[in-house]
Amino acid sequence: MSDRDPVRKPAARAGDKLALLLGLVPYLIDEVRVSVTEAAAQFDVSPEHMRTLVAYLTGTGEPGPDGLYLPQGLFDIDWDDFEQRDVIRFRRAPLDEKPRLSSREAAALLAGLQAVAALPGFGERADLGRLMAKLARGASGEVSPVSVNTRTADALRETVAAAVAAGRRLRLDYVTTRGEREERDVDPIRLESVDDVWYLRAWCLSREAGRTFRLDRMASAVAIGAAQQHESSVDDAGALFRGDAGGLLVTVEVPASALPVIADYLGPEDAVEYVGDRAIARIPLAHRGLVGRLATRLAGVGAITHPEDARAAAAQWARAALAAAE
């Protein structure tokens, strides 16, 4: 056991070692120069194990035309840096065809990372910034600037996020799905974003039940004291789009394999019937305005079959979307 590595981890299986090496090579190329300790922490292995992997790499590479491994086809590192300074730096990495993201693929990933960075608790993480910089740098072409609009005022979202994190009760000035303005005292459970809309799942003291509140319907949110723990069904998957009454029951038909696209709308007690390879789901919605949002999930894979006014609302939403795109 090395003095620099007091804890010996179990030997890796062959498949695990191969997967680690496949990830290690592009990492070392991208980092250019990295310490053994940093590389070991990145891959959750001991420094001694990392030294062994690097030494193993120097005996591998690309075979020549006759199948033999020649010196110019092998990985080579700066041995002075490695042995004297415990630093890894490639002098030669025989990869003629490095996999590259297209500029469009990189832009899509950057947009997703920007959305993640807007989530509470992620904005201050330095690793997200480093990852976005690597994506932009490693694309095969120039990546167009990307900006994701979170739609909700940052100050309000930060207030709600802080209350969730600290377990504080909130007093909401809120506009309901019926257009009525009410004051609600709630104990927050979770803050989340779906399709670029922020929702607060909470226990509503006025209704004595779990409820979901859209942040863009909040005129204000003020912390008023310590929150309490409650037994609530608001954490169920389908609870996100349920309101006080759940007054609209919509029937949806999709291929059974496509059920995950409407998972956010389905609760554990919602009825799903299977007919051959098709699934028929009955989903209670908080209000008619959510029909269009549900229709976006069904585009190209399924349809709303009942009631007729929900089908009409979905058709109206589609016509409005097409008109806006012209």
C-alpha atoms as a PDB file:
ATOM      1  CA  MET A   1       0.000   0.000   0.000  1.00  0.00           C
ATOM      2  CA  SER A   2       1.390   3.408  -1.044  1.00  0.00           C
ATOM      3  CA  ASP A   3       2.039   6.105   1.536  1.00  0.00           C
ATOM      4  CA  ARG A   4       0.085   8.464  -0.694  1.00  0.00           C
ATOM      5  CA  ASP A   5      -2.869   6.100  -0.895  1.00  0.00           C
ATOM      6  CA  PRO A   6      -3.755   4.806   2.579  1.00  0.00           C
ATOM      7  CA  VAL A   7      -7.091   3.317   1.515  1.00  0.00           C
ATOM      8  CA  ARG A   8      -7.117   0.484  -1.000  1.00  0.00           C
ATOM      9  CA  LYS A   9     -10.327   0.039  -2.964  1.00  0.00           C
ATOM     10  CA  PRO A  10     -11.583  -3.331  -4.304  1.00  0.00           C
ATOM     11  CA  ALA A  11     -10.229  -4.341  -7.703  1.00  0.00           C
ATOM     12  CA  ALA A  12     -12.385  -3.191 -10.593  1.00  0.00           C
ATOM     13  CA  ARG A  13     -14.049  -5.664 -12.910  1.00  0.00           C
ATOM     14  CA  ALA A  14     -12.904  -5.744 -16.553  1.00  0.00           C
ATOM     15  CA  GLY A  15     -16.069  -4.027 -17.801  1.00  0.00           C
ATOM     16  CA  ASP A  16     -15.783  -1.289 -15.201  1.00  0.00           C
ATOM     17  CA  LYS A  17     -12.124  -0.735 -16.072  1.00  0.00           C
ATOM     18  CA  LEU A  18     -12.906  -0.449 -19.783  1.00  0.00           C
ATOM     19  CA  ALA A  19     -15.710   2.051 -19.148  1.00  0.00           C
ATOM     20  CA  LEU A  20     -13.403   4.094 -16.936  1.00  0.00           C
ATOM     21  CA  LEU A  21     -10.640   4.132 -19.561  1.00  0.00           C
ATOM     22  CA  LEU A  22     -13.090   5.167 -22.279  1.00  0.00           C
ATOM     23  CA  GLY A  23     -14.100   8.148 -20.177  1.00  0.00           C
ATOM     24  CA  LEU A  24     -10.577   8.909 -18.964  1.00  0.00           C
ATOM     25  CA  VAL A  25      -8.949   9.458 -22.369  1.00  0.00           C
ATOM     26  CA  PRO A  26     -11.205  12.317 -23.589  1.00  0.00           C
ATOM     27  CA  TYR A  27     -11.104  13.838 -20.101  1.00  0.00           C
ATOM     28  CA  LEU A  28      -7.301  13.972 -20.059  1.00  0.00           C
ATOM     29  CA  ILE A  29      -7.185  15.332 -23.607  1.00  0.00           C
ATOM     30  CA  ASP A  30      -9.671  18.070 -22.761  1.00  0.00           C
ATOM     31  CA  GLU A  31      -8.020  19.040 -19.475  1.00  0.00           C
ATOM     32  CA  VAL A  32      -4.557  19.149 -21.153  1.00  0.00           C
ATOM     33  CA  ARG A  33      -2.739  19.115 -17.792  1.00  0.00           C
ATOM     34  CA  VAL A  34      -4.291  17.787 -14.582  1.00  0.00           C
ATOM     35  CA  SER A  35      -2.981  16.454 -11.293  1.00  0.00           C
ATOM     36  CA  VAL A  36      -3.377  12.807 -10.373  1.00  0.00           C
ATOM     37  CA  THR A  37      -5.420  13.817  -7.326  1.00  0.00           C
ATOM     38  CA  GLU A  38      -7.869  15.867  -9.398  1.00  0.00           C
ATOM     39  CA  ALA A  39      -8.290  13.123 -11.997  1.00  0.00           C
ATOM     40  CA  ALA A  40      -8.828  10.507  -9.272  1.00  0.00           C
ATOM     41  CA  ALA A  41     -11.510  12.662  -7.627  1.00  0.00           C
ATOM     42  CA  GLN A  42     -13.224  13.205 -10.989  1.00  0.00           C
ATOM     43  CA  PHE A  43     -13.587   9.436 -11.533  1.00  0.00           C
ATOM     44  CA  ASP A  44     -14.068   8.473  -7.872  1.00  0.00           C
ATOM     45  CA  VAL A  45     -10.997   6.238  -7.684  1.00  0.00           C
ATOM     46  CA  SER A  46      -7.919   6.332  -5.484  1.00  0.00           C
ATOM     47  CA  PRO A  47      -4.825   8.266  -6.666  1.00  0.00           C
ATOM     48  CA  GLU A  48      -2.864   5.001  -6.805  1.00  0.00           C
ATOM     49  CA  HIS A  49      -5.520   3.453  -9.029  1.00  0.00           C
ATOM     50  CA  MET A  50      -5.390   6.520 -11.295  1.00  0.00           C
ATOM     51  CA  ARG A  51      -1.590   6.162 -11.611  1.00  0.00           C
ATOM     52  CA  THR A  52      -2.061   2.517 -12.593  1.00  0.00           C
ATOM     53  CA  LEU A  53      -4.630   3.443 -15.254  1.00  0.00           C
ATOM     54  CA  VAL A  54      -2.401   6.133 -16.744  1.00  0.00           C
ATOM     55  CA  ALA A  55       0.546   3.744 -16.848  1.00  0.00           C
ATOM     56  CA  TYR A  56      -1.687   1.167 -18.557  1.00  0.00           C
ATOM     57  CA  LEU A  57      -2.709   3.728 -21.207  1.00  0.00           C
ATOM     58  CA  THR A  58       0.892   4.203 -22.283  1.00  0.00           C
ATOM     59  CA  GLY A  59       0.918   0.622 -23.524  1.00  0.00           C
ATOM     60  CA  THR A  60      -2.169   1.086 -25.689  1.00  0.00           C
ATOM     61  CA  GLY A  61      -3.039   3.030 -28.825  1.00  0.00           C
ATOM     62  CA  GLU A  62      -3.854   2.512 -32.488  1.00  0.00           C
ATOM     63  CA  PRO A  63      -2.338  -0.419 -34.388  1.00  0.00           C
ATOM     64  CA  GLY A  64      -0.548   0.217 -37.662  1.00  0.00           C
ATOM     65  CA  PRO A  65      -1.671  -1.107 -41.071  1.00  0.00           C
ATOM     66  CA  ASP A  66      -0.136  -4.518 -40.378  1.00  0.00           C
ATOM     67  CA  GLY A  67      -1.812  -4.774 -36.962  1.00  0.00           C
ATOM     68  CA  LEU A  68       1.360  -4.097 -34.999  1.00  0.00           C
ATOM     69  CA  TYR A  69       1.588  -1.391 -32.330  1.00  0.00           C
ATOM     70  CA  LEU A  70       4.385   1.056 -33.164  1.00  0.00           C
ATOM     71  CA  PRO A  71       5.732   3.776 -30.837  1.00  0.00           C
ATOM     72  CA  GLN A  72       4.065   6.577 -32.833  1.00  0.00           C
ATOM     73  CA  GLY A  73       0.723   4.829 -32.427  1.00  0.00           C
ATOM     74  CA  LEU A  74       0.846   4.601 -28.620  1.00  0.00           C
ATOM     75  CA  PHE A  75      -0.339   7.052 -26.005  1.00  0.00           C
ATOM     76  CA  ASP A  76       2.583   8.961 -24.544  1.00  0.00           C
ATOM     77  CA  ILE A  77       2.684  11.208 -21.480  1.00  0.00           C
ATOM     78  CA  ASP A  78       5.157  13.667 -20.045  1.00  0.00           C
ATOM     79  CA  TRP A  79       6.928  11.269 -17.694  1.00  0.00           C
ATOM     80  CA  ASP A  80       8.808  14.035 -15.868  1.00  0.00           C
ATOM     81  CA  ASP A  81       5.520  15.710 -14.967  1.00  0.00           C
ATOM     82  CA  PHE A  82       3.992  12.375 -14.019  1.00  0.00           C
ATOM     83  CA  GLU A  83       6.807  10.950 -11.873  1.00  0.00           C
ATOM     84  CA  GLN A  84       8.185  14.130 -10.334  1.00  0.00           C
ATOM     85  CA  ARG A  85       5.107  16.385 -10.044  1.00  0.00           C
ATOM     86  CA  ASP A  86       2.247  13.844 -10.004  1.00  0.00           C
ATOM     87  CA  VAL A  87       0.710  15.577 -13.038  1.00  0.00           C
ATOM     88  CA  ILE A  88      -0.808  13.924 -16.123  1.00  0.00           C
ATOM     89  CA  ARG A  89      -0.213  15.504 -19.544  1.00  0.00           C
ATOM     90  CA  PHE A  90      -0.385  13.785 -22.919  1.00  0.00           C
ATOM     91  CA  ARG A  91       2.462  14.384 -25.337  1.00  0.00           C
ATOM     92  CA  ARG A  92       0.742  12.188 -27.907  1.00  0.00           C
ATOM     93  CA  ALA A  93      -2.822  10.845 -28.028  1.00  0.00           C
ATOM     94  CA  PRO A  94      -3.402   8.801 -31.216  1.00  0.00           C
ATOM     95  CA  LEU A  95      -7.036   9.652 -31.890  1.00  0.00           C
ATOM     96  CA  ASP A  96      -7.486  10.597 -35.541  1.00  0.00           C
ATOM     97  CA  GLU A  97     -11.287  10.774 -35.338  1.00  0.00           C
ATOM     98  CA  LYS A  98     -12.353  12.476 -32.130  1.00  0.00           C
ATOM     99  CA  PRO A  99     -16.133  12.408 -31.617  1.00  0.00           C
ATOM    100  CA  ARG A 100     -17.545  15.936 -31.838  1.00  0.00           C
ATOM    101  CA  LEU A 101     -20.960  17.393 -31.152  1.00  0.00           C
ATOM    102  CA  SER A 102     -22.508  19.383 -33.973  1.00  0.00           C
ATOM    103  CA  SER A 103     -23.127  23.058 -33.229  1.00  0.00           C
ATOM    104  CA  ARG A 104     -26.871  22.328 -33.053  1.00  0.00           C
ATOM    105  CA  GLU A 105     -26.370  19.424 -30.605  1.00  0.00           C
ATOM    106  CA  ALA A 106     -24.094  21.578 -28.434  1.00  0.00           C
ATOM    107  CA  ALA A 107     -26.643  24.424 -28.468  1.00  0.00           C
ATOM    108  CA  ALA A 108     -29.419  22.049 -27.357  1.00  0.00           C
ATOM    109  CA  LEU A 109     -27.301  20.731 -24.486  1.00  0.00           C
ATOM    110  CA  LEU A 110     -26.314  24.265 -23.473  1.00  0.00           C
ATOM    111  CA  ALA A 111     -29.980  25.280 -23.376  1.00  0.00           C
ATOM    112  CA  GLY A 112     -30.727  22.329 -21.094  1.00  0.00           C
ATOM    113  CA  LEU A 113     -27.829  23.221 -18.802  1.00  0.00           C
ATOM    114  CA  GLN A 114     -29.007  26.818 -18.617  1.00  0.00           C
ATOM    115  CA  ALA A 115     -32.418  25.559 -17.518  1.00  0.00           C
ATOM    116  CA  VAL A 116     -30.751  23.383 -14.860  1.00  0.00           C
ATOM    117  CA  ALA A 117     -28.665  26.361 -13.698  1.00  0.00           C
ATOM    118  CA  ALA A 118     -31.911  28.272 -13.092  1.00  0.00           C
ATOM    119  CA  LEU A 119     -33.114  25.617 -10.639  1.00  0.00           C
ATOM    120  CA  PRO A 120     -32.785  26.467  -6.947  1.00  0.00           C
ATOM    121  CA  GLY A 121     -29.479  25.253  -5.580  1.00  0.00           C
ATOM    122  CA  PHE A 122     -27.775  24.925  -8.968  1.00  0.00           C
ATOM    123  CA  GLY A 123     -27.055  28.540  -9.896  1.00  0.00           C
ATOM    124  CA  GLU A 124     -23.875  28.778  -7.820  1.00  0.00           C
ATOM    125  CA  ARG A 125     -22.343  25.485  -8.952  1.00  0.00           C
ATOM    126  CA  ALA A 126     -19.066  26.181 -10.715  1.00  0.00           C
ATOM    127  CA  ASP A 127     -19.027  22.770 -12.419  1.00  0.00           C
ATOM    128  CA  LEU A 128     -22.053  23.730 -14.537  1.00  0.00           C
ATOM    129  CA  GLY A 129     -20.180  26.729 -15.907  1.00  0.00           C
ATOM    130  CA  ARG A 130     -17.132  24.610 -16.670  1.00  0.00           C
ATOM    131  CA  LEU A 131     -19.264  22.000 -18.419  1.00  0.00           C
ATOM    132  CA  MET A 132     -20.992  24.629 -20.572  1.00  0.00           C
ATOM    133  CA  ALA A 133     -17.615  26.076 -21.558  1.00  0.00           C
ATOM    134  CA  LYS A 134     -16.354  22.599 -22.542  1.00  0.00           C
ATOM    135  CA  LEU A 135     -19.442  21.934 -24.659  1.00  0.00           C
ATOM    136  CA  ALA A 136     -19.044  25.195 -26.540  1.00  0.00           C
ATOM    137  CA  ARG A 137     -15.315  24.604 -27.018  1.00  0.00           C
ATOM    138  CA  GLY A 138     -15.681  21.003 -28.133  1.00  0.00           C
ATOM    139  CA  ALA A 139     -18.367  21.442 -30.801  1.00  0.00           C
ATOM    140  CA  SER A 140     -17.523  20.831 -34.449  1.00  0.00           C
ATOM    141  CA  GLY A 141     -18.708  24.340 -35.395  1.00  0.00           C
ATOM    142  CA  GLU A 142     -19.393  27.712 -33.833  1.00  0.00           C
ATOM    143  CA  VAL A 143     -22.243  27.532 -31.307  1.00  0.00           C
ATOM    144  CA  SER A 144     -24.830  30.293 -31.536  1.00  0.00           C
ATOM    145  CA  PRO A 145     -25.533  32.154 -28.266  1.00  0.00           C
ATOM    146  CA  VAL A 146     -28.323  30.476 -26.286  1.00  0.00           C
ATOM    147  CA  SER A 147     -30.606  32.102 -23.730  1.00  0.00           C
ATOM    148  CA  VAL A 148     -33.365  30.352 -21.775  1.00  0.00           C
ATOM    149  CA  ASN A 149     -36.235  32.488 -20.470  1.00  0.00           C
ATOM    150  CA  THR A 150     -37.489  31.263 -17.084  1.00  0.00           C
ATOM    151  CA  ARG A 151     -40.677  33.403 -17.381  1.00  0.00           C
ATOM    152  CA  THR A 152     -40.978  34.003 -13.657  1.00  0.00           C
ATOM    153  CA  ALA A 153     -39.412  36.907 -11.780  1.00  0.00           C
ATOM    154  CA  ASP A 154     -36.207  35.731 -10.136  1.00  0.00           C
ATOM    155  CA  ALA A 155     -36.965  37.552  -6.867  1.00  0.00           C
ATOM    156  CA  LEU A 156     -40.255  35.691  -6.375  1.00  0.00           C
ATOM    157  CA  ARG A 157     -38.735  32.347  -7.294  1.00  0.00           C
ATOM    158  CA  GLU A 158     -35.814  32.899  -4.943  1.00  0.00           C
ATOM    159  CA  THR A 159     -38.233  33.772  -2.117  1.00  0.00           C
ATOM    160  CA  VAL A 160     -40.188  30.571  -2.679  1.00  0.00           C
ATOM    161  CA  ALA A 161     -37.022  28.484  -3.079  1.00  0.00           C
ATOM    162  CA  ALA A 162     -35.615  29.873   0.160  1.00  0.00           C
ATOM    163  CA  ALA A 163     -38.843  28.981   1.979  1.00  0.00           C
ATOM    164  CA  VAL A 164     -38.707  25.424   0.625  1.00  0.00           C
ATOM    165  CA  ALA A 165     -35.073  25.034   1.702  1.00  0.00           C
ATOM    166  CA  ALA A 166     -35.563  26.561   5.158  1.00  0.00           C
ATOM    167  CA  GLY A 167     -38.964  25.015   5.933  1.00  0.00           C
ATOM    168  CA  ARG A 168     -40.788  28.368   6.179  1.00  0.00           C
ATOM    169  CA  ARG A 169     -44.542  28.908   5.805  1.00  0.00           C
ATOM    170  CA  LEU A 170     -45.580  31.251   2.993  1.00  0.00           C
ATOM    171  CA  ARG A 171     -48.507  33.644   2.614  1.00  0.00           C
ATOM    172  CA  LEU A 172     -49.446  33.829  -1.055  1.00  0.00           C
ATOM    173  CA  ASP A 173     -51.382  36.533  -2.871  1.00  0.00           C
ATOM    174  CA  TYR A 174     -52.677  34.165  -5.525  1.00  0.00           C
ATOM    175  CA  VAL A 175     -54.997  34.162  -8.557  1.00  0.00           C
ATOM    176  CA  THR A 176     -56.835  30.842  -8.813  1.00  0.00           C
ATOM    177  CA  THR A 177     -57.670  28.949 -12.012  1.00  0.00           C
ATOM    178  CA  ARG A 178     -61.155  30.531 -11.798  1.00  0.00           C
ATOM    179  CA  GLY A 179     -59.633  34.014 -11.896  1.00  0.00           C
ATOM    180  CA  GLU A 180     -60.347  34.729  -8.221  1.00  0.00           C
ATOM    181  CA  ARG A 181     -57.714  36.484  -6.128  1.00  0.00           C
ATOM    182  CA  GLU A 182     -57.173  34.853  -2.731  1.00  0.00           C
ATOM    183  CA  GLU A 183     -54.748  34.883   0.159  1.00  0.00           C
ATOM    184  CA  ARG A 184     -53.418  31.411   0.951  1.00  0.00           C
ATOM    185  CA  ASP A 185     -51.139  30.262   3.767  1.00  0.00           C
ATOM    186  CA  VAL A 186     -49.116  27.252   2.650  1.00  0.00           C
ATOM    187  CA  ASP A 187     -46.355  24.984   3.928  1.00  0.00           C
ATOM    188  CA  PRO A 188     -44.009  24.403   0.940  1.00  0.00           C
ATOM    189  CA  ILE A 189     -43.003  20.895  -0.102  1.00  0.00           C
ATOM    190  CA  ARG A 190     -41.143  21.251  -3.402  1.00  0.00           C
ATOM    191  CA  LEU A 191     -40.439  23.767  -6.162  1.00  0.00           C
ATOM    192  CA  GLU A 192     -40.135  22.459  -9.705  1.00  0.00           C
ATOM    193  CA  SER A 193     -40.327  23.475 -13.349  1.00  0.00           C
ATOM    194  CA  VAL A 194     -42.304  21.713 -16.082  1.00  0.00           C
ATOM    195  CA  ASP A 195     -42.332  22.959 -19.691  1.00  0.00           C
ATOM    196  CA  ASP A 196     -40.768  26.277 -18.610  1.00  0.00           C
ATOM    197  CA  VAL A 197     -43.457  26.931 -15.967  1.00  0.00           C
ATOM    198  CA  TRP A 198     -42.590  26.963 -12.250  1.00  0.00           C
ATOM    199  CA  TYR A 199     -44.832  25.225  -9.720  1.00  0.00           C
ATOM    200  CA  LEU A 200     -44.863  25.119  -5.930  1.00  0.00           C
ATOM    201  CA  ARG A 201     -46.172  21.938  -4.368  1.00  0.00           C
ATOM    202  CA  ALA A 202     -47.413  22.733  -0.887  1.00  0.00           C
ATOM    203  CA  TRP A 203     -49.881  21.958   1.876  1.00  0.00           C
ATOM    204  CA  CYS A 204     -52.637  24.580   1.754  1.00  0.00           C
ATOM    205  CA  LEU A 205     -53.865  25.462   5.248  1.00  0.00           C
ATOM    206  CA  SER A 206     -57.032  27.031   3.826  1.00  0.00           C
ATOM    207  CA  ARG A 207     -58.060  23.787   2.091  1.00  0.00           C
ATOM    208  CA  GLU A 208     -56.363  21.393   4.534  1.00  0.00           C
ATOM    209  CA  ALA A 209     -55.024  19.486   1.565  1.00  0.00           C
ATOM    210  CA  GLY A 210     -52.076  19.301  -0.799  1.00  0.00           C
ATOM    211  CA  ARG A 211     -52.204  21.784  -3.654  1.00  0.00           C
ATOM    212  CA  THR A 212     -50.037  22.951  -6.545  1.00  0.00           C
ATOM    213  CA  PHE A 213     -49.515  26.669  -7.216  1.00  0.00           C
ATOM    214  CA  ARG A 214     -48.131  28.280 -10.366  1.00  0.00           C
ATOM    215  CA  LEU A 215     -45.567  30.937  -9.591  1.00  0.00           C
ATOM    216  CA  ASP A 216     -46.753  33.111 -12.478  1.00  0.00           C
ATOM    217  CA  ARG A 217     -50.146  33.348 -10.715  1.00  0.00           C
ATOM    218  CA  MET A 218     -48.565  34.674  -7.516  1.00  0.00           C
ATOM    219  CA  ALA A 219     -48.705  38.445  -6.983  1.00  0.00           C
ATOM    220  CA  SER A 220     -46.468  37.988  -3.935  1.00  0.00           C
ATOM    221  CA  ALA A 221     -45.104  35.399  -1.514  1.00  0.00           C
ATOM    222  CA  VAL A 222     -44.027  36.293   2.043  1.00  0.00           C
ATOM    223  CA  ALA A 223     -42.490  34.024   4.678  1.00  0.00           C
ATOM    224  CA  ILE A 224     -44.553  34.194   7.884  1.00  0.00           C
ATOM    225  CA  GLY A 225     -43.098  31.537  10.181  1.00  0.00           C
ATOM    226  CA  ALA A 226     -42.036  27.925  10.492  1.00  0.00           C
ATOM    227  CA  ALA A 227     -43.743  25.338   8.298  1.00  0.00           C
ATOM    228  CA  GLN A 228     -45.160  22.079   9.605  1.00  0.00           C
ATOM    229  CA  GLN A 229     -44.977  18.558   8.197  1.00  0.00           C
ATOM    230  CA  HIS A 230     -48.145  17.183   6.595  1.00  0.00           C
ATOM    231  CA  GLU A 231     -49.250  13.895   5.076  1.00  0.00           C
ATOM    232  CA  SER A 232     -50.128  14.907   1.522  1.00  0.00           C
ATOM    233  CA  SER A 233     -50.783  13.370  -1.886  1.00  0.00           C
ATOM    234  CA  VAL A 234     -49.318  16.469  -3.533  1.00  0.00           C
ATOM    235  CA  ASP A 235     -46.102  14.536  -4.135  1.00  0.00           C
ATOM    236  CA  ASP A 236     -47.924  12.072  -6.410  1.00  0.00           C
ATOM    237  CA  ALA A 237     -46.870  12.314 -10.045  1.00  0.00           C
ATOM    238  CA  GLY A 238     -50.268  13.431 -11.366  1.00  0.00           C
ATOM    239  CA  ALA A 239     -50.906  15.975  -8.612  1.00  0.00           C
ATOM    240  CA  LEU A 240     -49.006  18.714 -10.396  1.00  0.00           C
ATOM    241  CA  PHE A 241     -51.905  19.662 -12.676  1.00  0.00           C
ATOM    242  CA  ARG A 242     -54.763  19.109 -10.216  1.00  0.00           C
ATOM    243  CA  GLY A 243     -56.614  22.048  -8.720  1.00  0.00           C
ATOM    244  CA  ASP A 244     -59.117  22.443  -5.931  1.00  0.00           C
ATOM    245  CA  ALA A 245     -61.943  20.648  -7.645  1.00  0.00           C
ATOM    246  CA  GLY A 246     -60.350  18.585 -10.421  1.00  0.00           C
ATOM    247  CA  GLY A 247     -63.483  19.400 -12.454  1.00  0.00           C
ATOM    248  CA  LEU A 248     -62.420  18.195 -15.920  1.00  0.00           C
ATOM    249  CA  LEU A 249     -61.939  14.503 -16.693  1.00  0.00           C
ATOM    250  CA  VAL A 250     -60.129  14.027 -20.005  1.00  0.00           C
ATOM    251  CA  THR A 251     -59.766  10.691 -21.804  1.00  0.00           C
ATOM    252  CA  VAL A 252     -56.531  10.203 -23.721  1.00  0.00           C
ATOM    253  CA  GLU A 253     -55.473   7.377 -26.039  1.00  0.00           C
ATOM    254  CA  VAL A 254     -51.787   6.682 -26.743  1.00  0.00           C
ATOM    255  CA  PRO A 255     -49.601   3.689 -27.603  1.00  0.00           C
ATOM    256  CA  ALA A 256     -48.798   1.886 -24.350  1.00  0.00           C
ATOM    257  CA  SER A 257     -45.106   2.535 -24.988  1.00  0.00           C
ATOM    258  CA  ALA A 258     -45.819   6.288 -25.053  1.00  0.00           C
ATOM    259  CA  LEU A 259     -47.370   6.516 -21.574  1.00  0.00           C
ATOM    260  CA  PRO A 260     -44.204   8.156 -20.177  1.00  0.00           C
ATOM    261  CA  VAL A 261     -44.923  11.300 -22.249  1.00  0.00           C
ATOM    262  CA  ILE A 262     -47.975  12.000 -20.068  1.00  0.00           C
ATOM    263  CA  ALA A 263     -46.484  10.746 -16.787  1.00  0.00           C
ATOM    264  CA  ASP A 264     -46.654  14.247 -15.256  1.00  0.00           C
ATOM    265  CA  TYR A 265     -50.445  14.151 -15.642  1.00  0.00           C
ATOM    266  CA  LEU A 266     -51.048  10.661 -14.264  1.00  0.00           C
ATOM    267  CA  GLY A 267     -51.529   9.972 -10.570  1.00  0.00           C
ATOM    268  CA  PRO A 268     -51.329   6.545  -8.927  1.00  0.00           C
ATOM    269  CA  GLU A 269     -55.129   6.261  -8.765  1.00  0.00           C
ATOM    270  CA  ASP A 270     -55.873   7.439 -12.311  1.00  0.00           C
ATOM    271  CA  ALA A 271     -57.542   4.793 -14.472  1.00  0.00           C
ATOM    272  CA  VAL A 272     -55.511   3.350 -17.356  1.00  0.00           C
ATOM    273  CA  GLU A 273     -57.070   0.688 -19.605  1.00  0.00           C
ATOM    274  CA  TYR A 274     -55.037  -1.362 -22.066  1.00  0.00           C
ATOM    275  CA  VAL A 275     -56.532  -2.478 -25.391  1.00  0.00           C
ATOM    276  CA  GLY A 276     -53.962  -4.363 -27.410  1.00  0.00           C
ATOM    277  CA  ASP A 277     -50.909  -2.137 -27.687  1.00  0.00           C
ATOM    278  CA  ARG A 278     -52.929   0.998 -26.896  1.00  0.00           C
ATOM    279  CA  ALA A 279     -53.448   2.660 -23.513  1.00  0.00           C
ATOM    280  CA  ILE A 280     -56.564   4.668 -22.628  1.00  0.00           C
ATOM    281  CA  ALA A 281     -56.030   7.001 -19.667  1.00  0.00           C
ATOM    282  CA  ARG A 282     -58.582   9.139 -17.830  1.00  0.00           C
ATOM    283  CA  ILE A 283     -56.886  12.225 -16.455  1.00  0.00           C
ATOM    284  CA  PRO A 284     -58.500  14.806 -14.136  1.00  0.00           C
ATOM    285  CA  LEU A 285     -57.302  18.343 -14.960  1.00  0.00           C
ATOM    286  CA  ALA A 286     -57.557  21.424 -12.771  1.00  0.00           C
ATOM    287  CA  HIS A 287     -59.102  23.541 -15.535  1.00  0.00           C
ATOM    288  CA  ARG A 288     -59.737  23.731 -19.285  1.00  0.00           C
ATOM    289  CA  GLY A 289     -56.666  25.876 -19.860  1.00  0.00           C
ATOM    290  CA  LEU A 290     -54.466  22.819 -19.300  1.00  0.00           C
ATOM    291  CA  VAL A 291     -55.922  20.968 -22.293  1.00  0.00           C
ATOM    292  CA  GLY A 292     -53.541  22.716 -24.690  1.00  0.00           C
ATOM    293  CA  ARG A 293     -50.559  21.899 -22.493  1.00  0.00           C
ATOM    294  CA  LEU A 294     -51.614  18.223 -22.440  1.00  0.00           C
ATOM    295  CA  ALA A 295     -52.048  18.311 -26.222  1.00  0.00           C
ATOM    296  CA  THR A 296     -48.386  19.307 -26.644  1.00  0.00           C
ATOM    297  CA  ARG A 297     -47.373  16.014 -25.041  1.00  0.00           C
ATOM    298  CA  LEU A 298     -49.675  14.058 -27.366  1.00  0.00           C
ATOM    299  CA  ALA A 299     -48.607  15.632 -30.658  1.00  0.00           C
ATOM    300  CA  GLY A 300     -47.732  12.867 -33.094  1.00  0.00           C
ATOM    301  CA  VAL A 301     -48.314   9.999 -30.657  1.00  0.00           C
ATOM    302  CA  GLY A 302     -51.854  10.179 -29.250  1.00  0.00           C
ATOM    303  CA  ALA A 303     -55.120  12.045 -29.025  1.00  0.00           C
ATOM    304  CA  ILE A 304     -57.748  13.394 -26.636  1.00  0.00           C
ATOM    305  CA  THR A 305     -60.892  11.329 -27.284  1.00  0.00           C
ATOM    306  CA  HIS A 306     -63.342  12.657 -24.666  1.00  0.00           C
ATOM    307  CA  PRO A 307     -65.126  14.927 -23.749  1.00  0.00           C
ATOM    308  CA  GLU A 308     -65.983  16.736 -26.940  1.00  0.00           C
ATOM    309  CA  ASP A 309     -65.382  20.211 -25.495  1.00  0.00           C
ATOM    310  CA  ALA A 310     -61.832  19.121 -24.488  1.00  0.00           C
ATOM    311  CA  ARG A 311     -61.232  17.966 -28.074  1.00  0.00           C
ATOM    312  CA  ALA A 312     -62.491  21.323 -29.302  1.00  0.00           C
ATOM    313  CA  ALA A 313     -60.206  23.136 -26.853  1.00  0.00           C
ATOM    314  CA  ALA A 314     -57.216  21.127 -28.105  1.00  0.00           C
ATOM    315  CA  ALA A 315     -58.104  21.916 -31.737  1.00  0.00           C
ATOM    316  CA  GLN A 316     -58.448  25.605 -30.888  1.00  0.00           C
ATOM    317  CA  TRP A 317     -55.042  25.527 -29.170  1.00  0.00           C
ATOM    318  CA  ALA A 318     -53.500  23.886 -32.259  1.00  0.00           C
ATOM    319  CA  ARG A 319     -54.993  26.488 -34.595  1.00  0.00           C
ATOM    320  CA  ALA A 320     -53.696  29.298 -32.386  1.00  0.00           C
ATOM    321  CA  ALA A 321     -50.214  27.725 -32.312  1.00  0.00           C
ATOM    322  CA  LEU A 322     -50.149  27.401 -36.114  1.00  0.00           C
ATOM    323  CA  ALA A 323     -51.293  30.994 -36.531  1.00  0.00           C
ATOM    324  CA  ALA A 324     -48.575  32.215 -34.188  1.00  0.00           C
ATOM    325  CA  ALA A 325     -45.960  30.314 -36.205  1.00  0.00           C
ATOM    326  CA  GLU A 326     -46.923  31.952 -39.516  1.00  0.00           C
END
